[in-house]
Amino acid sequence: VAAALKQAFALPPGLRAHLGDLIVSVDRAIAQASEGRG
């Protein structure tokens, strides 16, 4: 599996694999920091 995945990243110039997405709540960041829950 590791070898196959390594080969998957051998892409032509100008292309890049997309690793994934993450989503952050700015509301939570502000509240947790200001309320001492960070």
Full PDB file with SEQRES, HELIX, SHEET, SSBOND, CRYST1, ORIGX, SCALE, CONECT and MASTER records, all heavy atoms in Angstrom:
SEQRES   1 A   38  VAL ALA ALA ALA LEU LYS GLN ALA PHE ALA LEU PRO PRO          
SEQRES   2 A   38  GLY LEU ARG ALA HIS LEU GLY ASP LEU ILE VAL SER VAL          
SEQRES   3 A   38  ASP ARG ALA ILE ALA GLN ALA SER GLU GLY ARG GLY              
HELIX    1 AA1 ALA A    2  ALA A    8  1                                   7    
HELIX    2 AA2 VAL A   26  SER A   34  1                                   9    
CRYST1    1.000    1.000    1.000  90.00  90.00  90.00 P 1           1          
ORIGX1      1.000000  0.000000  0.000000        0.00000                         
ORIGX2      0.000000  1.000000  0.000000        0.00000                         
ORIGX3      0.000000  0.000000  1.000000        0.00000                         
SCALE1      1.000000  0.000000  0.000000        0.00000                         
SCALE2      0.000000  1.000000  0.000000        0.00000                         
SCALE3      0.000000  0.000000  1.000000        0.00000                         
ATOM      1  N   VAL A   1       0.835  -1.200   0.000  1.00  0.00           N  
ATOM      2  CA  VAL A   1       0.000   0.000   0.000  1.00  0.00           C  
ATOM      3  C   VAL A   1       0.868   1.248   0.000  1.00  0.00           C  
ATOM      4  O   VAL A   1       0.630   2.198  -0.752  1.00  0.00           O  
ATOM      5  CB  VAL A   1      -0.945   0.005   1.224  1.00  0.00           C  
ATOM      6  CG1 VAL A   1      -1.690   1.336   1.316  1.00  0.00           C  
ATOM      7  CG2 VAL A   1      -1.925  -1.149   1.141  1.00  0.00           C  
ATOM      8  N   ALA A   2       1.903   1.240   0.831  1.00  0.00           N  
ATOM      9  CA  ALA A   2       2.802   2.384   0.901  1.00  0.00           C  
ATOM     10  C   ALA A   2       3.485   2.638  -0.440  1.00  0.00           C  
ATOM     11  O   ALA A   2       3.624   3.783  -0.880  1.00  0.00           O  
ATOM     12  CB  ALA A   2       3.841   2.164   1.998  1.00  0.00           C  
ATOM     13  N   ALA A   3       3.908   1.556  -1.108  1.00  0.00           N  
ATOM     14  CA  ALA A   3       4.575   1.689  -2.404  1.00  0.00           C  
ATOM     15  C   ALA A   3       3.620   2.239  -3.459  1.00  0.00           C  
ATOM     16  O   ALA A   3       3.986   3.084  -4.287  1.00  0.00           O  
ATOM     17  CB  ALA A   3       5.138   0.348  -2.840  1.00  0.00           C  
ATOM     18  N   ALA A   4       2.374   1.773  -3.436  1.00  0.00           N  
ATOM     19  CA  ALA A   4       1.385   2.241  -4.410  1.00  0.00           C  
ATOM     20  C   ALA A   4       1.073   3.716  -4.205  1.00  0.00           C  
ATOM     21  O   ALA A   4       0.928   4.476  -5.168  1.00  0.00           O  
ATOM     22  CB  ALA A   4       0.108   1.407  -4.298  1.00  0.00           C  
ATOM     23  N   LEU A   5       0.983   4.118  -2.957  1.00  0.00           N  
ATOM     24  CA  LEU A   5       0.701   5.519  -2.664  1.00  0.00           C  
ATOM     25  C   LEU A   5       1.869   6.417  -3.051  1.00  0.00           C  
ATOM     26  O   LEU A   5       1.670   7.535  -3.533  1.00  0.00           O  
ATOM     27  CB  LEU A   5       0.380   5.685  -1.174  1.00  0.00           C  
ATOM     28  CG  LEU A   5      -0.977   5.127  -0.749  1.00  0.00           C  
ATOM     29  CD1 LEU A   5      -1.068   5.059   0.760  1.00  0.00           C  
ATOM     30  CD2 LEU A   5      -2.107   5.986  -1.310  1.00  0.00           C  
ATOM     31  N   LYS A   6       3.076   5.932  -2.855  1.00  0.00           N  
ATOM     32  CA  LYS A   6       4.244   6.709  -3.267  1.00  0.00           C  
ATOM     33  C   LYS A   6       4.225   6.938  -4.766  1.00  0.00           C  
ATOM     34  O   LYS A   6       4.530   8.025  -5.263  1.00  0.00           O  
ATOM     35  CB  LYS A   6       5.532   5.988  -2.853  1.00  0.00           C  
ATOM     36  CG  LYS A   6       6.797   6.770  -3.171  1.00  0.00           C  
ATOM     37  CD  LYS A   6       8.030   6.041  -2.671  1.00  0.00           C  
ATOM     38  CE  LYS A   6       9.295   6.828  -2.969  1.00  0.00           C  
ATOM     39  NZ  LYS A   6      10.513   6.122  -2.486  1.00  0.00           N  
ATOM     40  N   GLN A   7       3.829   5.913  -5.521  1.00  0.00           N  
ATOM     41  CA  GLN A   7       3.749   6.035  -6.967  1.00  0.00           C  
ATOM     42  C   GLN A   7       2.652   7.026  -7.368  1.00  0.00           C  
ATOM     43  O   GLN A   7       2.776   7.736  -8.377  1.00  0.00           O  
ATOM     44  CB  GLN A   7       3.464   4.666  -7.598  1.00  0.00           C  
ATOM     45  CG  GLN A   7       3.413   4.677  -9.119  1.00  0.00           C  
ATOM     46  CD  GLN A   7       4.753   5.036  -9.746  1.00  0.00           C  
ATOM     47  OE1 GLN A   7       5.798   4.758  -9.174  1.00  0.00           O  
ATOM     48  NE2 GLN A   7       4.709   5.655 -10.919  1.00  0.00           N  
ATOM     49  N   ALA A   8       1.597   7.111  -6.556  1.00  0.00           N  
ATOM     50  CA  ALA A   8       0.489   8.011  -6.868  1.00  0.00           C  
ATOM     51  C   ALA A   8       0.912   9.468  -6.832  1.00  0.00           C  
ATOM     52  O   ALA A   8       0.272  10.329  -7.452  1.00  0.00           O  
ATOM     53  CB  ALA A   8      -0.666   7.776  -5.896  1.00  0.00           C  
ATOM     54  N   PHE A   9       1.985   9.770  -6.110  1.00  0.00           N  
ATOM     55  CA  PHE A   9       2.457  11.143  -6.023  1.00  0.00           C  
ATOM     56  C   PHE A   9       3.457  11.475  -7.136  1.00  0.00           C  
ATOM     57  O   PHE A   9       3.928  12.611  -7.221  1.00  0.00           O  
ATOM     58  CB  PHE A   9       3.091  11.402  -4.656  1.00  0.00           C  
ATOM     59  CG  PHE A   9       2.073  11.612  -3.570  1.00  0.00           C  
ATOM     60  CD1 PHE A   9       1.595  10.549  -2.828  1.00  0.00           C  
ATOM     61  CD2 PHE A   9       1.583  12.880  -3.294  1.00  0.00           C  
ATOM     62  CE1 PHE A   9       0.646  10.740  -1.827  1.00  0.00           C  
ATOM     63  CE2 PHE A   9       0.633  13.079  -2.312  1.00  0.00           C  
ATOM     64  CZ  PHE A   9       0.164  12.014  -1.573  1.00  0.00           C  
ATOM     65  N   ALA A  10       3.786  10.509  -7.968  1.00  0.00           N  
ATOM     66  CA  ALA A  10       4.680  10.763  -9.104  1.00  0.00           C  
ATOM     67  C   ALA A  10       3.840  11.294 -10.262  1.00  0.00           C  
ATOM     68  O   ALA A  10       3.431  10.560 -11.155  1.00  0.00           O  
ATOM     69  CB  ALA A  10       5.406   9.479  -9.498  1.00  0.00           C  
ATOM     70  N   LEU A  11       3.556  12.589 -10.220  1.00  0.00           N  
ATOM     71  CA  LEU A  11       2.639  13.215 -11.164  1.00  0.00           C  
ATOM     72  C   LEU A  11       3.385  14.054 -12.194  1.00  0.00           C  
ATOM     73  O   LEU A  11       4.512  14.490 -11.951  1.00  0.00           O  
ATOM     74  CB  LEU A  11       1.648  14.106 -10.399  1.00  0.00           C  
ATOM     75  CG  LEU A  11       0.802  13.396  -9.337  1.00  0.00           C  
ATOM     76  CD1 LEU A  11       0.015  14.421  -8.533  1.00  0.00           C  
ATOM     77  CD2 LEU A  11      -0.137  12.399  -9.987  1.00  0.00           C  
ATOM     78  N   PRO A  12       2.745  14.311 -13.335  1.00  0.00           N  
ATOM     79  CA  PRO A  12       3.359  15.190 -14.335  1.00  0.00           C  
ATOM     80  C   PRO A  12       3.547  16.594 -13.784  1.00  0.00           C  
ATOM     81  O   PRO A  12       2.855  16.997 -12.844  1.00  0.00           O  
ATOM     82  CB  PRO A  12       2.326  15.180 -15.483  1.00  0.00           C  
ATOM     83  CG  PRO A  12       1.507  13.964 -15.253  1.00  0.00           C  
ATOM     84  CD  PRO A  12       1.469  13.759 -13.774  1.00  0.00           C  
ATOM     85  N   PRO A  13       4.458  17.368 -14.347  1.00  0.00           N  
ATOM     86  CA  PRO A  13       4.673  18.750 -13.905  1.00  0.00           C  
ATOM     87  C   PRO A  13       3.382  19.557 -13.976  1.00  0.00           C  
ATOM     88  O   PRO A  13       2.596  19.421 -14.910  1.00  0.00           O  
ATOM     89  CB  PRO A  13       5.717  19.284 -14.885  1.00  0.00           C  
ATOM     90  CG  PRO A  13       6.425  18.067 -15.376  1.00  0.00           C  
ATOM     91  CD  PRO A  13       5.392  16.980 -15.416  1.00  0.00           C  
ATOM     92  N   GLY A  14       3.168  20.407 -12.961  1.00  0.00           N  
ATOM     93  CA  GLY A  14       1.979  21.239 -12.949  1.00  0.00           C  
ATOM     94  C   GLY A  14       0.792  20.624 -12.246  1.00  0.00           C  
ATOM     95  O   GLY A  14      -0.235  21.278 -12.069  1.00  0.00           O  
ATOM     96  N   LEU A  15       0.899  19.349 -11.848  1.00  0.00           N  
ATOM     97  CA  LEU A  15      -0.173  18.679 -11.119  1.00  0.00           C  
ATOM     98  C   LEU A  15       0.288  18.350  -9.711  1.00  0.00           C  
ATOM     99  O   LEU A  15       1.455  18.072  -9.481  1.00  0.00           O  
ATOM    100  CB  LEU A  15      -0.603  17.399 -11.836  1.00  0.00           C  
ATOM    101  CG  LEU A  15      -1.279  17.549 -13.203  1.00  0.00           C  
ATOM    102  CD1 LEU A  15      -1.604  16.171 -13.760  1.00  0.00           C  
ATOM    103  CD2 LEU A  15      -2.532  18.392 -13.105  1.00  0.00           C  
ATOM    104  N   ARG A  16      -0.639  18.374  -8.786  1.00  0.00           N  
ATOM    105  CA  ARG A  16      -0.317  18.029  -7.398  1.00  0.00           C  
ATOM    106  C   ARG A  16      -1.489  17.273  -6.788  1.00  0.00           C  
ATOM    107  O   ARG A  16      -2.648  17.570  -7.069  1.00  0.00           O  
ATOM    108  CB  ARG A  16       0.013  19.282  -6.586  1.00  0.00           C  
ATOM    109  CG  ARG A  16      -1.054  20.342  -6.556  1.00  0.00           C  
ATOM    110  CD  ARG A  16      -0.596  21.603  -5.819  1.00  0.00           C  
ATOM    111  NE  ARG A  16       0.387  22.338  -6.595  1.00  0.00           N  
ATOM    112  CZ  ARG A  16       1.532  22.813  -6.072  1.00  0.00           C  
ATOM    113  NH1 ARG A  16       1.820  22.623  -4.811  1.00  0.00           N  
ATOM    114  NH2 ARG A  16       2.377  23.493  -6.819  1.00  0.00           N  
ATOM    115  N   ALA A  17      -1.195  16.293  -5.977  1.00  0.00           N  
ATOM    116  CA  ALA A  17      -2.239  15.522  -5.307  1.00  0.00           C  
ATOM    117  C   ALA A  17      -2.871  16.374  -4.210  1.00  0.00           C  
ATOM    118  O   ALA A  17      -2.203  17.164  -3.556  1.00  0.00           O  
ATOM    119  CB  ALA A  17      -1.644  14.253  -4.702  1.00  0.00           C  
ATOM    120  N   HIS A  18      -4.177  16.212  -4.033  1.00  0.00           N  
ATOM    121  CA  HIS A  18      -4.884  16.937  -2.974  1.00  0.00           C  
ATOM    122  C   HIS A  18      -4.952  16.053  -1.742  1.00  0.00           C  
ATOM    123  O   HIS A  18      -5.517  14.960  -1.768  1.00  0.00           O  
ATOM    124  CB  HIS A  18      -6.282  17.334  -3.426  1.00  0.00           C  
ATOM    125  CG  HIS A  18      -6.940  18.325  -2.525  1.00  0.00           C  
ATOM    126  ND1 HIS A  18      -6.533  19.637  -2.423  1.00  0.00           N  
ATOM    127  CD2 HIS A  18      -7.964  18.189  -1.653  1.00  0.00           C  
ATOM    128  CE1 HIS A  18      -7.278  20.278  -1.551  1.00  0.00           C  
ATOM    129  NE2 HIS A  18      -8.157  19.415  -1.060  1.00  0.00           N  
ATOM    130  N   LEU A  19      -4.359  16.505  -0.635  1.00  0.00           N  
ATOM    131  CA  LEU A  19      -4.236  15.683   0.572  1.00  0.00           C  
ATOM    132  C   LEU A  19      -5.534  15.578   1.351  1.00  0.00           C  
ATOM    133  O   LEU A  19      -5.769  14.585   2.047  1.00  0.00           O  
ATOM    134  CB  LEU A  19      -3.148  16.258   1.479  1.00  0.00           C  
ATOM    135  CG  LEU A  19      -1.742  16.344   0.876  1.00  0.00           C  
ATOM    136  CD1 LEU A  19      -0.794  17.010   1.864  1.00  0.00           C  
ATOM    137  CD2 LEU A  19      -1.240  14.957   0.491  1.00  0.00           C  
ATOM    138  N   GLY A  20      -6.388  16.593   1.243  1.00  0.00           N  
ATOM    139  CA  GLY A  20      -7.627  16.582   2.006  1.00  0.00           C  
ATOM    140  C   GLY A  20      -8.044  17.990   2.376  1.00  0.00           C  
ATOM    141  O   GLY A  20      -7.442  18.979   1.938  1.00  0.00           O  
ATOM    142  N   ASP A  21      -9.094  18.078   3.196  1.00  0.00           N  
ATOM    143  CA  ASP A  21      -9.622  19.374   3.621  1.00  0.00           C  
ATOM    144  C   ASP A  21      -9.834  19.381   5.128  1.00  0.00           C  
ATOM    145  O   ASP A  21     -10.181  18.349   5.725  1.00  0.00           O  
ATOM    146  CB  ASP A  21     -10.962  19.660   2.943  1.00  0.00           C  
ATOM    147  CG  ASP A  21     -10.841  19.747   1.432  1.00  0.00           C  
ATOM    148  OD1 ASP A  21     -10.047  20.576   0.958  1.00  0.00           O  
ATOM    149  OD2 ASP A  21     -11.539  18.982   0.729  1.00  0.00           O  
ATOM    150  N   LEU A  22      -9.641  20.540   5.720  1.00  0.00           N  
ATOM    151  CA  LEU A  22      -9.988  20.710   7.123  1.00  0.00           C  
ATOM    152  C   LEU A  22     -10.817  21.972   7.263  1.00  0.00           C  
ATOM    153  O   LEU A  22     -10.682  22.917   6.481  1.00  0.00           O  
ATOM    154  CB  LEU A  22      -8.739  20.783   8.005  1.00  0.00           C  
ATOM    155  CG  LEU A  22      -7.744  21.899   7.750  1.00  0.00           C  
ATOM    156  CD1 LEU A  22      -7.690  22.840   8.945  1.00  0.00           C  
ATOM    157  CD2 LEU A  22      -6.341  21.317   7.520  1.00  0.00           C  
ATOM    158  N   ILE A  23     -11.716  21.969   8.221  1.00  0.00           N  
ATOM    159  CA  ILE A  23     -12.599  23.112   8.450  1.00  0.00           C  
ATOM    160  C   ILE A  23     -12.529  23.498   9.919  1.00  0.00           C  
ATOM    161  O   ILE A  23     -12.618  22.641  10.802  1.00  0.00           O  
ATOM    162  CB  ILE A  23     -14.042  22.796   8.003  1.00  0.00           C  
ATOM    163  CG1 ILE A  23     -14.961  23.992   8.244  1.00  0.00           C  
ATOM    164  CG2 ILE A  23     -14.580  21.544   8.663  1.00  0.00           C  
ATOM    165  CD1 ILE A  23     -16.308  23.870   7.537  1.00  0.00           C  
ATOM    166  N   VAL A  24     -12.313  24.779  10.160  1.00  0.00           N  
ATOM    167  CA  VAL A  24     -12.118  25.297  11.513  1.00  0.00           C  
ATOM    168  C   VAL A  24     -13.229  26.277  11.847  1.00  0.00           C  
ATOM    169  O   VAL A  24     -13.586  27.132  11.018  1.00  0.00           O  
ATOM    170  CB  VAL A  24     -10.758  26.006  11.651  1.00  0.00           C  
ATOM    171  CG1 VAL A  24     -10.547  26.489  13.082  1.00  0.00           C  
ATOM    172  CG2 VAL A  24      -9.622  25.091  11.224  1.00  0.00           C  
ATOM    173  N   SER A  25     -13.773  26.175  13.041  1.00  0.00           N  
ATOM    174  CA  SER A  25     -14.766  27.133  13.498  1.00  0.00           C  
ATOM    175  C   SER A  25     -14.052  28.324  14.130  1.00  0.00           C  
ATOM    176  O   SER A  25     -13.448  28.203  15.204  1.00  0.00           O  
ATOM    177  CB  SER A  25     -15.720  26.502  14.522  1.00  0.00           C  
ATOM    178  OG  SER A  25     -16.531  27.510  15.108  1.00  0.00           O  
ATOM    179  N   VAL A  26     -14.135  29.476  13.462  1.00  0.00           N  
ATOM    180  CA  VAL A  26     -13.549  30.690  14.028  1.00  0.00           C  
ATOM    181  C   VAL A  26     -14.334  31.096  15.274  1.00  0.00           C  
ATOM    182  O   VAL A  26     -13.765  31.642  16.229  1.00  0.00           O  
ATOM    183  CB  VAL A  26     -13.531  31.815  12.975  1.00  0.00           C  
ATOM    184  CG1 VAL A  26     -12.971  33.110  13.565  1.00  0.00           C  
ATOM    185  CG2 VAL A  26     -12.702  31.388  11.767  1.00  0.00           C  
ATOM    186  N   ASP A  27     -15.634  30.820  15.287  1.00  0.00           N  
ATOM    187  CA  ASP A  27     -16.442  31.086  16.484  1.00  0.00           C  
ATOM    188  C   ASP A  27     -15.859  30.375  17.698  1.00  0.00           C  
ATOM    189  O   ASP A  27     -15.710  30.956  18.779  1.00  0.00           O  
ATOM    190  CB  ASP A  27     -17.884  30.598  16.279  1.00  0.00           C  
ATOM    191  CG  ASP A  27     -18.651  31.417  15.269  1.00  0.00           C  
ATOM    192  OD1 ASP A  27     -18.207  32.531  14.953  1.00  0.00           O  
ATOM    193  OD2 ASP A  27     -19.704  30.925  14.793  1.00  0.00           O  
ATOM    194  N   ARG A  28     -15.535  29.093  17.535  1.00  0.00           N  
ATOM    195  CA  ARG A  28     -14.985  28.301  18.645  1.00  0.00           C  
ATOM    196  C   ARG A  28     -13.614  28.823  19.046  1.00  0.00           C  
ATOM    197  O   ARG A  28     -13.284  28.875  20.233  1.00  0.00           O  
ATOM    198  CB  ARG A  28     -14.854  26.835  18.236  1.00  0.00           C  
ATOM    199  CG  ARG A  28     -16.114  26.025  18.122  1.00  0.00           C  
ATOM    200  CD  ARG A  28     -16.833  25.870  19.439  1.00  0.00           C  
ATOM    201  NE  ARG A  28     -17.784  26.974  19.603  1.00  0.00           N  
ATOM    202  CZ  ARG A  28     -18.125  27.518  20.746  1.00  0.00           C  
ATOM    203  NH1 ARG A  28     -17.581  27.109  21.870  1.00  0.00           N  
ATOM    204  NH2 ARG A  28     -18.992  28.518  20.804  1.00  0.00           N  
ATOM    205  N   ALA A  29     -12.799  29.185  18.075  1.00  0.00           N  
ATOM    206  CA  ALA A  29     -11.453  29.688  18.381  1.00  0.00           C  
ATOM    207  C   ALA A  29     -11.536  30.933  19.243  1.00  0.00           C  
ATOM    208  O   ALA A  29     -10.808  31.070  20.242  1.00  0.00           O  
ATOM    209  CB  ALA A  29     -10.697  29.979  17.086  1.00  0.00           C  
ATOM    210  N   ILE A  30     -12.434  31.848  18.877  1.00  0.00           N  
ATOM    211  CA  ILE A  30     -12.579  33.094  19.642  1.00  0.00           C  
ATOM    212  C   ILE A  30     -13.114  32.808  21.037  1.00  0.00           C  
ATOM    213  O   ILE A  30     -12.587  33.304  22.040  1.00  0.00           O  
ATOM    214  CB  ILE A  30     -13.503  34.066  18.892  1.00  0.00           C  
ATOM    215  CG1 ILE A  30     -12.847  34.511  17.577  1.00  0.00           C  
ATOM    216  CG2 ILE A  30     -13.841  35.272  19.756  1.00  0.00           C  
ATOM    217  CD1 ILE A  30     -13.756  35.333  16.682  1.00  0.00           C  
ATOM    218  N   ALA A  31     -14.168  31.992  21.122  1.00  0.00           N  
ATOM    219  CA  ALA A  31     -14.795  31.715  22.418  1.00  0.00           C  
ATOM    220  C   ALA A  31     -13.858  30.957  23.346  1.00  0.00           C  
ATOM    221  O   ALA A  31     -13.721  31.301  24.531  1.00  0.00           O  
ATOM    222  CB  ALA A  31     -16.084  30.922  22.209  1.00  0.00           C  
ATOM    223  N   GLN A  32     -13.218  29.914  22.837  1.00  0.00           N  
ATOM    224  CA  GLN A  32     -12.337  29.109  23.685  1.00  0.00           C  
ATOM    225  C   GLN A  32     -11.156  29.918  24.197  1.00  0.00           C  
ATOM    226  O   GLN A  32     -10.747  29.777  25.359  1.00  0.00           O  
ATOM    227  CB  GLN A  32     -11.858  27.878  22.906  1.00  0.00           C  
ATOM    228  CG  GLN A  32     -12.980  26.873  22.676  1.00  0.00           C  
ATOM    229  CD  GLN A  32     -12.633  25.743  21.725  1.00  0.00           C  
ATOM    230  OE1 GLN A  32     -13.477  24.903  21.419  1.00  0.00           O  
ATOM    231  NE2 GLN A  32     -11.412  25.691  21.228  1.00  0.00           N  
ATOM    232  N   ALA A  33     -10.609  30.783  23.346  1.00  0.00           N  
ATOM    233  CA  ALA A  33      -9.465  31.586  23.764  1.00  0.00           C  
ATOM    234  C   ALA A  33      -9.863  32.615  24.801  1.00  0.00           C  
ATOM    235  O   ALA A  33      -9.188  32.780  25.835  1.00  0.00           O  
ATOM    236  CB  ALA A  33      -8.839  32.274  22.547  1.00  0.00           C  
ATOM    237  N   SER A  34     -10.967  33.322  24.567  1.00  0.00           N  
ATOM    238  CA  SER A  34     -11.364  34.415  25.461  1.00  0.00           C  
ATOM    239  C   SER A  34     -11.945  33.922  26.777  1.00  0.00           C  
ATOM    240  O   SER A  34     -11.881  34.627  27.793  1.00  0.00           O  
ATOM    241  CB  SER A  34     -12.382  35.319  24.751  1.00  0.00           C  
ATOM    242  OG  SER A  34     -13.549  34.595  24.404  1.00  0.00           O  
ATOM    243  N   GLU A  35     -12.494  32.708  26.776  1.00  0.00           N  
ATOM    244  CA  GLU A  35     -13.104  32.157  27.985  1.00  0.00           C  
ATOM    245  C   GLU A  35     -12.159  31.261  28.777  1.00  0.00           C  
ATOM    246  O   GLU A  35     -12.564  30.644  29.762  1.00  0.00           O  
ATOM    247  CB  GLU A  35     -14.366  31.384  27.613  1.00  0.00           C  
ATOM    248  CG  GLU A  35     -15.460  32.249  26.996  1.00  0.00           C  
ATOM    249  CD  GLU A  35     -16.592  31.433  26.397  1.00  0.00           C  
ATOM    250  OE1 GLU A  35     -16.584  30.189  26.600  1.00  0.00           O  
ATOM    251  OE2 GLU A  35     -17.469  32.024  25.743  1.00  0.00           O  
ATOM    252  N   GLY A  36     -10.903  31.191  28.344  1.00  0.00           N  
ATOM    253  CA  GLY A  36      -9.946  30.357  29.057  1.00  0.00           C  
ATOM    254  C   GLY A  36     -10.162  28.876  28.863  1.00  0.00           C  
ATOM    255  O   GLY A  36      -9.795  28.066  29.722  1.00  0.00           O  
ATOM    256  N   ARG A  37     -10.734  28.497  27.707  1.00  0.00           N  
ATOM    257  CA  ARG A  37     -10.971  27.085  27.400  1.00  0.00           C  
ATOM    258  C   ARG A  37     -10.167  26.638  26.198  1.00  0.00           C  
ATOM    259  O   ARG A  37     -10.517  25.689  25.506  1.00  0.00           O  
ATOM    260  CB  ARG A  37     -12.465  26.842  27.152  1.00  0.00           C  
ATOM    261  CG  ARG A  37     -13.348  27.131  28.344  1.00  0.00           C  
ATOM    262  CD  ARG A  37     -14.793  26.768  28.099  1.00  0.00           C  
ATOM    263  NE  ARG A  37     -15.419  27.671  27.127  1.00  0.00           N  
ATOM    264  CZ  ARG A  37     -15.757  27.332  25.899  1.00  0.00           C  
ATOM    265  NH1 ARG A  37     -15.499  26.118  25.447  1.00  0.00           N  
ATOM    266  NH2 ARG A  37     -16.338  28.205  25.091  1.00  0.00           N  
ATOM    267  N   GLY A  38      -9.053  27.338  25.947  1.00  0.00           N  
ATOM    268  CA  GLY A  38      -8.262  27.042  24.766  1.00  0.00           C  
ATOM    269  C   GLY A  38      -7.105  26.109  25.031  1.00  0.00           C  
ATOM    270  O   GLY A  38      -6.980  25.518  26.104  1.00  0.00           O  
TER     271      GLY A  38                                                      
MASTER        0    0    0    2    0    0    0    6  270    1    0    3          
END                                                                             
